[in-house]
Amino acid sequence: MLFVYSIFFLVIFTMTTAMKAFFRMIAACFKDESGATSMAGIAVLLVSLYTGYTIPRPSIPGALRWITYLNVSPSFSVHNLS
């Protein structure tokens, strides 16, 4: 039971650190807080929509298809790319 909790804690800690770094990267690109906040919201929306969980891969526009490589779902297959 302790092993499962340790793995869960490690995953949560890693995800929290990665998201904090992502938001700090966006904040470093802007001079004011309002621009960084709006861009971070748009970026999180786009990443959550286009990683393959919401919009099916064939319906994604060609310029945004590279985002589907971020998908880590078990059904993801390299042979399944369109």
C-alpha atoms as a PDB file:
ATOM      1  CA  MET A   1       0.000   0.000   0.000  1.00  0.00           C
ATOM      2  CA  LEU A   2       2.867   2.356   0.738  1.00  0.00           C
ATOM      3  CA  PHE A   3       4.335   1.659  -2.726  1.00  0.00           C
ATOM      4  CA  VAL A   4       1.095   2.677  -4.465  1.00  0.00           C
ATOM      5  CA  TYR A   5       0.896   5.877  -2.434  1.00  0.00           C
ATOM      6  CA  SER A   6       4.533   6.663  -3.237  1.00  0.00           C
ATOM      7  CA  ILE A   7       3.954   6.255  -6.973  1.00  0.00           C
ATOM      8  CA  PHE A   8       0.795   8.380  -6.769  1.00  0.00           C
ATOM      9  CA  PHE A   9       2.649  11.084  -4.845  1.00  0.00           C
ATOM     10  CA  LEU A  10       5.532  11.003  -7.348  1.00  0.00           C
ATOM     11  CA  VAL A  11       3.151  11.416 -10.308  1.00  0.00           C
ATOM     12  CA  ILE A  12       1.234  14.264  -8.650  1.00  0.00           C
ATOM     13  CA  PHE A  13       4.464  16.007  -7.659  1.00  0.00           C
ATOM     14  CA  THR A  14       5.886  15.668 -11.190  1.00  0.00           C
ATOM     15  CA  MET A  15       2.695  16.994 -12.801  1.00  0.00           C
ATOM     16  CA  THR A  16       2.556  19.927 -10.395  1.00  0.00           C
ATOM     17  CA  THR A  17       6.178  20.824 -11.070  1.00  0.00           C
ATOM     18  CA  ALA A  18       5.685  20.564 -14.844  1.00  0.00           C
ATOM     19  CA  MET A  19       2.591  22.776 -14.813  1.00  0.00           C
ATOM     20  CA  LYS A  20       4.319  25.342 -12.601  1.00  0.00           C
ATOM     21  CA  ALA A  21       7.239  25.431 -15.054  1.00  0.00           C
ATOM     22  CA  PHE A  22       4.811  25.746 -17.981  1.00  0.00           C
ATOM     23  CA  PHE A  23       3.047  28.738 -16.417  1.00  0.00           C
ATOM     24  CA  ARG A  24       6.335  30.374 -15.446  1.00  0.00           C
ATOM     25  CA  MET A  25       7.559  29.968 -19.027  1.00  0.00           C
ATOM     26  CA  ILE A  26       4.457  31.748 -20.304  1.00  0.00           C
ATOM     27  CA  ALA A  27       4.809  34.464 -17.654  1.00  0.00           C
ATOM     28  CA  ALA A  28       8.433  35.068 -18.676  1.00  0.00           C
ATOM     29  CA  CYS A  29       7.308  35.844 -22.233  1.00  0.00           C
ATOM     30  CA  PHE A  30       5.063  38.743 -21.205  1.00  0.00           C
ATOM     31  CA  LYS A  31       5.705  42.045 -19.460  1.00  0.00           C
ATOM     32  CA  ASP A  32       2.296  42.386 -17.811  1.00  0.00           C
ATOM     33  CA  GLU A  33       0.291  39.942 -15.762  1.00  0.00           C
ATOM     34  CA  SER A  34      -2.947  40.247 -17.728  1.00  0.00           C
ATOM     35  CA  GLY A  35      -1.347  39.159 -21.011  1.00  0.00           C
ATOM     36  CA  ALA A  36       0.333  36.170 -19.386  1.00  0.00           C
ATOM     37  CA  THR A  37      -2.868  35.101 -17.641  1.00  0.00           C
ATOM     38  CA  SER A  38      -4.942  35.244 -20.810  1.00  0.00           C
ATOM     39  CA  MET A  39      -2.301  33.405 -22.846  1.00  0.00           C
ATOM     40  CA  ALA A  40      -1.973  30.710 -20.163  1.00  0.00           C
ATOM     41  CA  GLY A  41      -5.732  30.152 -20.231  1.00  0.00           C
ATOM     42  CA  ILE A  42      -5.762  29.842 -24.002  1.00  0.00           C
ATOM     43  CA  ALA A  43      -2.741  27.520 -23.956  1.00  0.00           C
ATOM     44  CA  VAL A  44      -4.286  25.181 -21.382  1.00  0.00           C
ATOM     45  CA  LEU A  45      -7.537  25.134 -23.363  1.00  0.00           C
ATOM     46  CA  LEU A  46      -5.758  24.290 -26.625  1.00  0.00           C
ATOM     47  CA  VAL A  47      -3.588  21.599 -25.080  1.00  0.00           C
ATOM     48  CA  SER A  48      -6.548  19.946 -23.346  1.00  0.00           C
ATOM     49  CA  LEU A  49      -8.643  20.041 -26.525  1.00  0.00           C
ATOM     50  CA  TYR A  50      -6.074  18.900 -29.060  1.00  0.00           C
ATOM     51  CA  THR A  51      -4.258  16.101 -27.207  1.00  0.00           C
ATOM     52  CA  GLY A  52      -6.780  13.608 -28.539  1.00  0.00           C
ATOM     53  CA  TYR A  53      -9.214  13.296 -25.654  1.00  0.00           C
ATOM     54  CA  THR A  54     -11.866  15.682 -26.979  1.00  0.00           C
ATOM     55  CA  ILE A  55     -11.417  16.168 -30.718  1.00  0.00           C
ATOM     56  CA  PRO A  56     -10.797  13.022 -32.812  1.00  0.00           C
ATOM     57  CA  ARG A  57      -7.470  13.010 -34.647  1.00  0.00           C
ATOM     58  CA  PRO A  58      -8.949  13.115 -38.199  1.00  0.00           C
ATOM     59  CA  SER A  59     -10.904  16.294 -37.316  1.00  0.00           C
ATOM     60  CA  ILE A  60      -7.860  18.262 -36.112  1.00  0.00           C
ATOM     61  CA  PRO A  61      -6.581  20.883 -38.585  1.00  0.00           C
ATOM     62  CA  GLY A  62      -3.258  20.011 -40.210  1.00  0.00           C
ATOM     63  CA  ALA A  63      -1.303  22.810 -38.530  1.00  0.00           C
ATOM     64  CA  LEU A  64      -2.289  21.612 -35.043  1.00  0.00           C
ATOM     65  CA  ARG A  65      -1.845  17.862 -35.623  1.00  0.00           C
ATOM     66  CA  TRP A  66       1.580  17.864 -33.918  1.00  0.00           C
ATOM     67  CA  ILE A  67      -0.150  18.422 -30.566  1.00  0.00           C
ATOM     68  CA  THR A  68      -1.606  14.893 -30.738  1.00  0.00           C
ATOM     69  CA  TYR A  69       1.871  13.515 -30.048  1.00  0.00           C
ATOM     70  CA  LEU A  70       1.422  14.765 -26.453  1.00  0.00           C
ATOM     71  CA  ASN A  71      -1.392  12.244 -25.962  1.00  0.00           C
ATOM     72  CA  VAL A  72      -0.457   9.540 -23.455  1.00  0.00           C
ATOM     73  CA  SER A  73      -3.667   7.496 -23.538  1.00  0.00           C
ATOM     74  CA  PRO A  74      -3.275   3.700 -23.808  1.00  0.00           C
ATOM     75  CA  SER A  75      -5.069   3.645 -27.173  1.00  0.00           C
ATOM     76  CA  PHE A  76      -2.361   5.847 -28.744  1.00  0.00           C
ATOM     77  CA  SER A  77      -0.386   3.992 -31.371  1.00  0.00           C
ATOM     78  CA  VAL A  78       2.303   5.174 -33.758  1.00  0.00           C
ATOM     79  CA  HIS A  79       0.726   2.995 -36.457  1.00  0.00           C
ATOM     80  CA  ASN A  80      -2.604   4.760 -35.958  1.00  0.00           C
ATOM     81  CA  LEU A  81      -1.448   8.190 -37.158  1.00  0.00           C
ATOM     82  CA  SER A  82      -3.369   9.697 -40.036  1.00  0.00           C
END
